[in-house]
Structure formats: C-alpha cells, structure tokens
Amino acid sequence: MPGATTAVMSQRALNRALLARQLLLAREQLTPVEAVERLAGLQAQVPRPPFVGLWARLANFDRQQLTSRLHDRSIVRATMMRGTIHLMSAADYLAFRPVLHAALVSVPESMFRRQLAGHDLAAIVATGREFF
C-alpha cells in the first residue's frame, strides 16, 4: 500500500510478546476457562502438568477451580492438535474439533493400516465408544 509503514519488532520485543500471549510474563486475573481459551488449549498428556501450568499463569489459582471446570465439562481434556491431549474450553473444542477431524483420523489409520486390514473399522470404533 502506498504510504504504509512497516513496523519492525526487535527480537526482545517479539519474545516478550510471545511470552505475554502465553500468559508467562505475570500471573493474570483470569478464570481457568478464560486462560485455556486465550492459550487455544493447554497440553495435558499427563493430568498433573495442566494444574502447574495454570498455577504459574493465574493469580490466586486453586486446583479446585480447574477440577470443578473439568467436572462441569466447561473445560474438556481431549485429543487435539498434533494428536496430543489438551485442555480446552468446551466451546473451543466444539469449534476446533471439526476442522482438525480429518487429520486426527488419518494419522492413526495410516499408522495401523496393516493391523486394521480386513477388520471392520466402524465396528471397532463402536465397541470403543461403548466401552468408554
């Protein structure tokens, strides 16, 4: 665009902006739901680290705040980006999951193609859903 100026950020400013976006510069006055939405998910492969991650990011965080949100399902723990388990708000999960569905389904199918050959994948999925 004619007359437009381009601002250049220093490496330090860029790093600080990234840390701020990840809520790592100072503890914020947010709820756990607001925090995981702002982070677009918080990796949660193992149950304990998300508690520590939120404690490090949120002022006055108490583990019951997250436990309650998991029990009332306003925060969910589910497979998401890169096929790893994340904490996400239920609203974000419902928005992101359809977009990522094809990629999340294709990876296991390609990894287990030989083992699944000749088996009814729909029946396996149905059994898994019934079990879980």
N, C-alpha and C. Protein backbone atom coordinates (compact mmCIF):
# COMPACT_ATOMS: atom_id res chain seq x y z
N MET A 1 0.84 -1.18 0.00
CA MET A 1 0.00 0.00 0.00
C MET A 1 0.88 1.24 0.00
N PRO A 2 0.58 2.19 -0.84
CA PRO A 2 1.37 3.42 -0.87
C PRO A 2 1.27 4.16 0.46
N GLY A 3 2.40 4.61 0.94
CA GLY A 3 2.43 5.39 2.16
C GLY A 3 2.36 4.57 3.44
N ALA A 4 2.20 3.24 3.33
CA ALA A 4 2.13 2.41 4.54
C ALA A 4 3.52 2.23 5.11
N THR A 5 3.59 2.21 6.42
CA THR A 5 4.88 1.98 7.07
C THR A 5 4.86 0.60 7.69
N THR A 6 6.01 0.01 7.73
CA THR A 6 6.15 -1.31 8.31
C THR A 6 6.92 -1.18 9.61
N ALA A 7 6.31 -1.64 10.69
CA ALA A 7 6.98 -1.61 11.98
C ALA A 7 7.81 -2.88 12.12
N VAL A 8 9.01 -2.73 12.61
CA VAL A 8 9.89 -3.87 12.82
C VAL A 8 10.07 -4.04 14.32
N MET A 9 9.78 -5.25 14.79
CA MET A 9 9.95 -5.54 16.21
C MET A 9 11.35 -6.08 16.45
N SER A 10 11.92 -5.69 17.57
CA SER A 10 13.21 -6.26 17.93
C SER A 10 12.97 -7.71 18.37
N GLN A 11 14.02 -8.49 18.41
CA GLN A 11 13.91 -9.88 18.86
C GLN A 11 13.40 -9.93 20.29
N ARG A 12 13.87 -9.02 21.13
CA ARG A 12 13.42 -8.97 22.53
C ARG A 12 11.92 -8.66 22.61
N ALA A 13 11.45 -7.67 21.82
CA ALA A 13 10.03 -7.32 21.83
C ALA A 13 9.18 -8.49 21.34
N LEU A 14 9.65 -9.16 20.31
CA LEU A 14 8.93 -10.31 19.79
C LEU A 14 8.86 -11.42 20.84
N ASN A 15 9.97 -11.68 21.51
CA ASN A 15 10.00 -12.70 22.57
C ASN A 15 9.05 -12.34 23.71
N ARG A 16 9.05 -11.06 24.11
CA ARG A 16 8.18 -10.62 25.20
C ARG A 16 6.70 -10.74 24.79
N ALA A 17 6.40 -10.42 23.55
CA ALA A 17 5.03 -10.54 23.06
C ALA A 17 4.58 -12.00 23.09
N LEU A 18 5.45 -12.90 22.71
CA LEU A 18 5.13 -14.33 22.73
C LEU A 18 4.90 -14.80 24.17
N LEU A 19 5.76 -14.40 25.09
CA LEU A 19 5.59 -14.78 26.49
C LEU A 19 4.29 -14.20 27.06
N ALA A 20 3.96 -12.97 26.70
CA ALA A 20 2.72 -12.36 27.18
C ALA A 20 1.51 -13.11 26.63
N ARG A 21 1.54 -13.49 25.35
CA ARG A 21 0.43 -14.23 24.76
C ARG A 21 0.23 -15.57 25.45
N GLN A 22 1.32 -16.17 25.90
CA GLN A 22 1.26 -17.46 26.58
C GLN A 22 1.02 -17.32 28.08
N LEU A 23 0.75 -16.08 28.53
CA LEU A 23 0.48 -15.79 29.95
C LEU A 23 1.67 -16.14 30.83
N LEU A 24 2.88 -15.90 30.34
CA LEU A 24 4.08 -16.28 31.10
C LEU A 24 4.89 -15.10 31.62
N LEU A 25 4.40 -13.88 31.46
CA LEU A 25 5.13 -12.73 31.99
C LEU A 25 4.70 -12.39 33.41
N ALA A 26 3.43 -12.53 33.69
CA ALA A 26 2.89 -12.23 35.02
C ALA A 26 1.63 -13.05 35.22
N ARG A 27 1.33 -13.33 36.47
CA ARG A 27 0.09 -14.07 36.75
C ARG A 27 -1.10 -13.16 36.46
N GLU A 28 -2.04 -13.69 35.69
CA GLU A 28 -3.19 -12.92 35.23
C GLU A 28 -4.42 -13.18 36.10
N GLN A 29 -5.33 -12.23 36.11
CA GLN A 29 -6.61 -12.36 36.81
C GLN A 29 -7.63 -12.95 35.83
N LEU A 30 -7.49 -14.22 35.51
CA LEU A 30 -8.40 -14.91 34.59
C LEU A 30 -8.93 -16.16 35.27
N THR A 31 -10.04 -16.64 34.78
CA THR A 31 -10.54 -17.94 35.22
C THR A 31 -9.80 -19.02 34.42
N PRO A 32 -9.83 -20.26 34.88
CA PRO A 32 -9.22 -21.33 34.08
C PRO A 32 -9.81 -21.43 32.67
N VAL A 33 -11.12 -21.23 32.53
CA VAL A 33 -11.74 -21.30 31.20
C VAL A 33 -11.18 -20.18 30.32
N GLU A 34 -11.11 -18.96 30.84
CA GLU A 34 -10.57 -17.84 30.06
C GLU A 34 -9.12 -18.09 29.68
N ALA A 35 -8.36 -18.69 30.60
CA ALA A 35 -6.93 -18.95 30.32
C ALA A 35 -6.75 -19.97 29.21
N VAL A 36 -7.46 -21.11 29.29
CA VAL A 36 -7.27 -22.11 28.24
C VAL A 36 -7.79 -21.61 26.89
N GLU A 37 -8.81 -20.74 26.91
CA GLU A 37 -9.27 -20.14 25.66
C GLU A 37 -8.22 -19.19 25.10
N ARG A 38 -7.62 -18.39 25.95
CA ARG A 38 -6.60 -17.45 25.50
C ARG A 38 -5.38 -18.19 24.96
N LEU A 39 -5.08 -19.36 25.53
CA LEU A 39 -3.95 -20.18 25.09
C LEU A 39 -4.30 -21.06 23.90
N ALA A 40 -5.57 -21.12 23.52
CA ALA A 40 -6.06 -22.01 22.47
C ALA A 40 -5.71 -23.45 22.80
N GLY A 41 -5.85 -23.78 24.08
CA GLY A 41 -5.56 -25.13 24.55
C GLY A 41 -4.29 -25.17 25.38
N LEU A 42 -4.26 -26.09 26.32
CA LEU A 42 -3.10 -26.29 27.18
C LEU A 42 -2.78 -27.77 27.15
N GLN A 43 -1.57 -28.11 26.75
CA GLN A 43 -1.22 -29.52 26.61
C GLN A 43 -1.42 -30.24 27.94
N ALA A 44 -2.00 -31.43 27.87
CA ALA A 44 -2.38 -32.16 29.08
C ALA A 44 -2.21 -33.66 28.91
N GLN A 45 -1.06 -34.08 28.37
CA GLN A 45 -0.81 -35.51 28.19
C GLN A 45 -0.94 -36.26 29.51
N VAL A 46 -0.41 -35.66 30.55
CA VAL A 46 -0.44 -36.25 31.89
C VAL A 46 -1.31 -35.32 32.74
N PRO A 47 -2.14 -35.86 33.63
CA PRO A 47 -3.07 -34.99 34.36
C PRO A 47 -2.45 -33.87 35.19
N ARG A 48 -1.30 -34.05 35.82
CA ARG A 48 -0.77 -33.06 36.75
C ARG A 48 -0.25 -31.77 36.09
N PRO A 49 0.49 -31.81 34.99
CA PRO A 49 1.06 -30.57 34.44
C PRO A 49 0.08 -29.43 34.16
N PRO A 50 -1.15 -29.67 33.69
CA PRO A 50 -2.04 -28.51 33.48
C PRO A 50 -2.33 -27.74 34.77
N PHE A 51 -2.38 -28.43 35.89
CA PHE A 51 -2.59 -27.74 37.17
C PHE A 51 -1.41 -26.81 37.45
N VAL A 52 -0.20 -27.31 37.24
CA VAL A 52 1.00 -26.50 37.46
C VAL A 52 1.05 -25.36 36.43
N GLY A 53 0.71 -25.66 35.18
CA GLY A 53 0.72 -24.63 34.14
C GLY A 53 -0.24 -23.50 34.44
N LEU A 54 -1.42 -23.81 34.94
CA LEU A 54 -2.37 -22.76 35.29
C LEU A 54 -1.96 -22.04 36.57
N TRP A 55 -1.41 -22.76 37.53
CA TRP A 55 -0.93 -22.13 38.77
C TRP A 55 0.15 -21.08 38.44
N ALA A 56 1.02 -21.41 37.48
CA ALA A 56 2.09 -20.48 37.10
C ALA A 56 1.55 -19.26 36.35
N ARG A 57 0.39 -19.38 35.75
CA ARG A 57 -0.14 -18.31 34.89
C ARG A 57 -1.22 -17.46 35.55
N LEU A 58 -1.92 -18.01 36.54
CA LEU A 58 -3.10 -17.33 37.08
C LEU A 58 -2.91 -16.90 38.54
N ALA A 59 -3.30 -15.66 38.81
CA ALA A 59 -3.27 -15.15 40.19
C ALA A 59 -4.33 -15.89 40.99
N ASN A 60 -4.01 -16.25 42.21
CA ASN A 60 -4.96 -16.88 43.13
C ASN A 60 -5.54 -18.20 42.61
N PHE A 61 -4.78 -18.92 41.80
CA PHE A 61 -5.30 -20.19 41.26
C PHE A 61 -5.34 -21.24 42.36
N ASP A 62 -6.42 -21.98 42.39
CA ASP A 62 -6.60 -23.10 43.30
C ASP A 62 -6.98 -24.30 42.45
N ARG A 63 -6.42 -25.45 42.73
CA ARG A 63 -6.66 -26.63 41.90
C ARG A 63 -8.14 -26.97 41.78
N GLN A 64 -8.94 -26.64 42.78
CA GLN A 64 -10.38 -26.93 42.72
C GLN A 64 -11.06 -26.15 41.60
N GLN A 65 -10.50 -24.98 41.26
CA GLN A 65 -11.07 -24.20 40.15
C GLN A 65 -11.03 -25.02 38.85
N LEU A 66 -9.92 -25.68 38.61
CA LEU A 66 -9.81 -26.50 37.39
C LEU A 66 -10.60 -27.79 37.54
N THR A 67 -10.50 -28.44 38.68
CA THR A 67 -11.23 -29.69 38.90
C THR A 67 -12.73 -29.47 38.69
N SER A 68 -13.25 -28.38 39.23
CA SER A 68 -14.68 -28.08 39.07
C SER A 68 -15.05 -27.87 37.60
N ARG A 69 -14.17 -27.19 36.86
CA ARG A 69 -14.46 -26.94 35.43
C ARG A 69 -14.39 -28.24 34.63
N LEU A 70 -13.53 -29.17 35.03
CA LEU A 70 -13.49 -30.47 34.37
C LEU A 70 -14.75 -31.27 34.68
N HIS A 71 -15.21 -31.20 35.93
CA HIS A 71 -16.41 -31.95 36.32
C HIS A 71 -17.67 -31.38 35.68
N ASP A 72 -17.76 -30.05 35.56
CA ASP A 72 -18.97 -29.50 34.93
C ASP A 72 -18.83 -29.42 33.40
N ARG A 73 -17.70 -29.88 32.89
CA ARG A 73 -17.41 -30.00 31.46
C ARG A 73 -17.35 -28.67 30.72
N SER A 74 -17.06 -27.59 31.44
CA SER A 74 -16.81 -26.32 30.74
C SER A 74 -15.39 -26.32 30.21
N ILE A 75 -14.54 -27.19 30.77
CA ILE A 75 -13.21 -27.49 30.23
C ILE A 75 -13.16 -28.99 29.98
N VAL A 76 -12.64 -29.37 28.81
CA VAL A 76 -12.54 -30.78 28.46
C VAL A 76 -11.07 -31.14 28.23
N ARG A 77 -10.76 -32.41 28.45
CA ARG A 77 -9.42 -32.96 28.17
C ARG A 77 -9.61 -33.94 27.03
N ALA A 78 -9.05 -33.59 25.86
CA ALA A 78 -9.33 -34.41 24.67
C ALA A 78 -8.17 -34.34 23.68
N THR A 79 -8.17 -35.28 22.75
CA THR A 79 -7.17 -35.29 21.69
C THR A 79 -7.42 -34.11 20.76
N MET A 80 -6.36 -33.36 20.52
CA MET A 80 -6.49 -32.19 19.65
C MET A 80 -5.27 -32.06 18.76
N MET A 81 -4.64 -30.91 18.79
CA MET A 81 -3.55 -30.59 17.88
C MET A 81 -2.42 -31.61 17.97
N ARG A 82 -1.90 -31.98 16.83
CA ARG A 82 -0.81 -32.95 16.72
C ARG A 82 -1.18 -34.30 17.33
N GLY A 83 -2.47 -34.54 17.55
CA GLY A 83 -2.91 -35.81 18.12
C GLY A 83 -2.57 -35.95 19.58
N THR A 84 -2.23 -34.85 20.26
CA THR A 84 -1.91 -34.92 21.68
C THR A 84 -3.12 -34.46 22.49
N ILE A 85 -3.09 -34.78 23.76
CA ILE A 85 -4.21 -34.45 24.65
C ILE A 85 -4.01 -33.03 25.17
N HIS A 86 -5.07 -32.24 25.06
CA HIS A 86 -5.06 -30.85 25.51
C HIS A 86 -6.26 -30.58 26.40
N LEU A 87 -6.14 -29.56 27.26
CA LEU A 87 -7.30 -28.99 27.93
C LEU A 87 -7.79 -27.87 27.05
N MET A 88 -9.09 -27.83 26.83
CA MET A 88 -9.70 -26.75 26.05
C MET A 88 -11.04 -26.43 26.67
N SER A 89 -11.51 -25.22 26.44
CA SER A 89 -12.88 -24.94 26.86
C SER A 89 -13.79 -25.78 25.96
N ALA A 90 -14.95 -26.12 26.48
CA ALA A 90 -15.89 -26.92 25.68
C ALA A 90 -16.25 -26.18 24.40
N ALA A 91 -16.42 -24.86 24.50
CA ALA A 91 -16.77 -24.06 23.32
C ALA A 91 -15.67 -24.14 22.26
N ASP A 92 -14.41 -23.99 22.69
CA ASP A 92 -13.30 -24.07 21.73
C ASP A 92 -13.18 -25.47 21.14
N TYR A 93 -13.38 -26.48 21.97
CA TYR A 93 -13.29 -27.86 21.47
C TYR A 93 -14.31 -28.09 20.36
N LEU A 94 -15.54 -27.63 20.59
CA LEU A 94 -16.59 -27.81 19.59
C LEU A 94 -16.27 -27.04 18.31
N ALA A 95 -15.57 -25.93 18.43
CA ALA A 95 -15.21 -25.14 17.24
C ALA A 95 -14.00 -25.74 16.50
N PHE A 96 -12.98 -26.18 17.24
CA PHE A 96 -11.74 -26.66 16.63
C PHE A 96 -11.85 -28.09 16.11
N ARG A 97 -12.53 -28.95 16.82
CA ARG A 97 -12.53 -30.38 16.52
C ARG A 97 -12.97 -30.70 15.09
N PRO A 98 -14.06 -30.13 14.57
CA PRO A 98 -14.45 -30.47 13.19
C PRO A 98 -13.37 -30.10 12.17
N VAL A 99 -12.67 -29.02 12.41
CA VAL A 99 -11.63 -28.57 11.49
C VAL A 99 -10.45 -29.54 11.50
N LEU A 100 -10.14 -30.10 12.66
CA LEU A 100 -8.99 -31.00 12.81
C LEU A 100 -9.34 -32.47 12.61
N HIS A 101 -10.62 -32.79 12.48
CA HIS A 101 -11.07 -34.18 12.45
C HIS A 101 -10.35 -35.03 11.40
N ALA A 102 -10.29 -34.55 10.18
CA ALA A 102 -9.68 -35.36 9.11
C ALA A 102 -8.23 -35.71 9.43
N ALA A 103 -7.47 -34.75 9.92
CA ALA A 103 -6.06 -35.01 10.26
C ALA A 103 -5.95 -35.96 11.44
N LEU A 104 -6.79 -35.79 12.44
CA LEU A 104 -6.72 -36.64 13.63
C LEU A 104 -7.13 -38.08 13.32
N VAL A 105 -8.01 -38.27 12.35
CA VAL A 105 -8.43 -39.63 11.97
C VAL A 105 -7.42 -40.27 11.04
N SER A 106 -6.83 -39.50 10.14
CA SER A 106 -5.93 -40.09 9.13
C SER A 106 -4.63 -40.60 9.73
N VAL A 107 -4.13 -39.97 10.77
CA VAL A 107 -2.85 -40.41 11.35
C VAL A 107 -2.95 -41.81 11.93
N PRO A 108 -3.90 -42.10 12.83
CA PRO A 108 -3.97 -43.48 13.34
C PRO A 108 -4.27 -44.50 12.24
N GLU A 109 -5.12 -44.11 11.28
CA GLU A 109 -5.43 -45.03 10.20
C GLU A 109 -4.19 -45.37 9.39
N SER A 110 -3.33 -44.38 9.13
CA SER A 110 -2.11 -44.67 8.38
C SER A 110 -1.10 -45.45 9.21
N MET A 111 -1.05 -45.19 10.52
CA MET A 111 -0.10 -45.89 11.38
C MET A 111 -0.48 -47.36 11.56
N PHE A 112 -1.77 -47.65 11.57
CA PHE A 112 -2.24 -49.01 11.86
C PHE A 112 -2.91 -49.67 10.65
N ARG A 113 -2.60 -49.18 9.45
CA ARG A 113 -3.24 -49.69 8.23
C ARG A 113 -3.11 -51.21 8.12
N ARG A 114 -1.89 -51.73 8.33
CA ARG A 114 -1.70 -53.19 8.19
C ARG A 114 -2.47 -53.96 9.26
N GLN A 115 -2.45 -53.47 10.49
CA GLN A 115 -3.15 -54.18 11.57
C GLN A 115 -4.67 -54.12 11.39
N LEU A 116 -5.16 -53.05 10.74
CA LEU A 116 -6.60 -52.90 10.55
C LEU A 116 -7.12 -53.58 9.29
N ALA A 117 -6.22 -54.00 8.41
CA ALA A 117 -6.63 -54.61 7.14
C ALA A 117 -7.54 -55.81 7.41
N GLY A 118 -8.69 -55.82 6.74
CA GLY A 118 -9.62 -56.93 6.87
C GLY A 118 -10.56 -56.81 8.06
N HIS A 119 -10.41 -55.78 8.87
CA HIS A 119 -11.28 -55.59 10.04
C HIS A 119 -12.29 -54.48 9.76
N ASP A 120 -13.42 -54.56 10.39
CA ASP A 120 -14.47 -53.56 10.24
C ASP A 120 -14.17 -52.40 11.19
N LEU A 121 -13.62 -51.32 10.65
CA LEU A 121 -13.22 -50.17 11.47
C LEU A 121 -14.43 -49.58 12.19
N ALA A 122 -15.58 -49.51 11.54
CA ALA A 122 -16.78 -48.96 12.18
C ALA A 122 -17.17 -49.79 13.41
N ALA A 123 -17.03 -51.10 13.33
CA ALA A 123 -17.36 -51.97 14.47
C ALA A 123 -16.36 -51.77 15.60
N ILE A 124 -15.09 -51.58 15.26
CA ILE A 124 -14.07 -51.33 16.28
C ILE A 124 -14.36 -50.02 17.01
N VAL A 125 -14.68 -48.99 16.23
CA VAL A 125 -15.00 -47.68 16.82
C VAL A 125 -16.24 -47.79 17.70
N ALA A 126 -17.26 -48.48 17.23
CA ALA A 126 -18.49 -48.64 18.01
C ALA A 126 -18.21 -49.35 19.34
N THR A 127 -17.37 -50.40 19.30
CA THR A 127 -17.02 -51.13 20.52
C THR A 127 -16.26 -50.21 21.48
N GLY A 128 -15.32 -49.43 20.93
CA GLY A 128 -14.58 -48.49 21.76
C GLY A 128 -15.47 -47.46 22.42
N ARG A 129 -16.41 -46.92 21.65
CA ARG A 129 -17.34 -45.93 22.20
C ARG A 129 -18.20 -46.54 23.29
N GLU A 130 -18.64 -47.76 23.08
CA GLU A 130 -19.46 -48.43 24.10
C GLU A 130 -18.64 -48.67 25.37
N PHE A 131 -17.39 -49.08 25.18
CA PHE A 131 -16.52 -49.37 26.32
C PHE A 131 -16.24 -48.11 27.13
N PHE A 132 -15.92 -47.02 26.42
CA PHE A 132 -15.55 -45.79 27.10
C PHE A 132 -16.75 -44.91 27.39
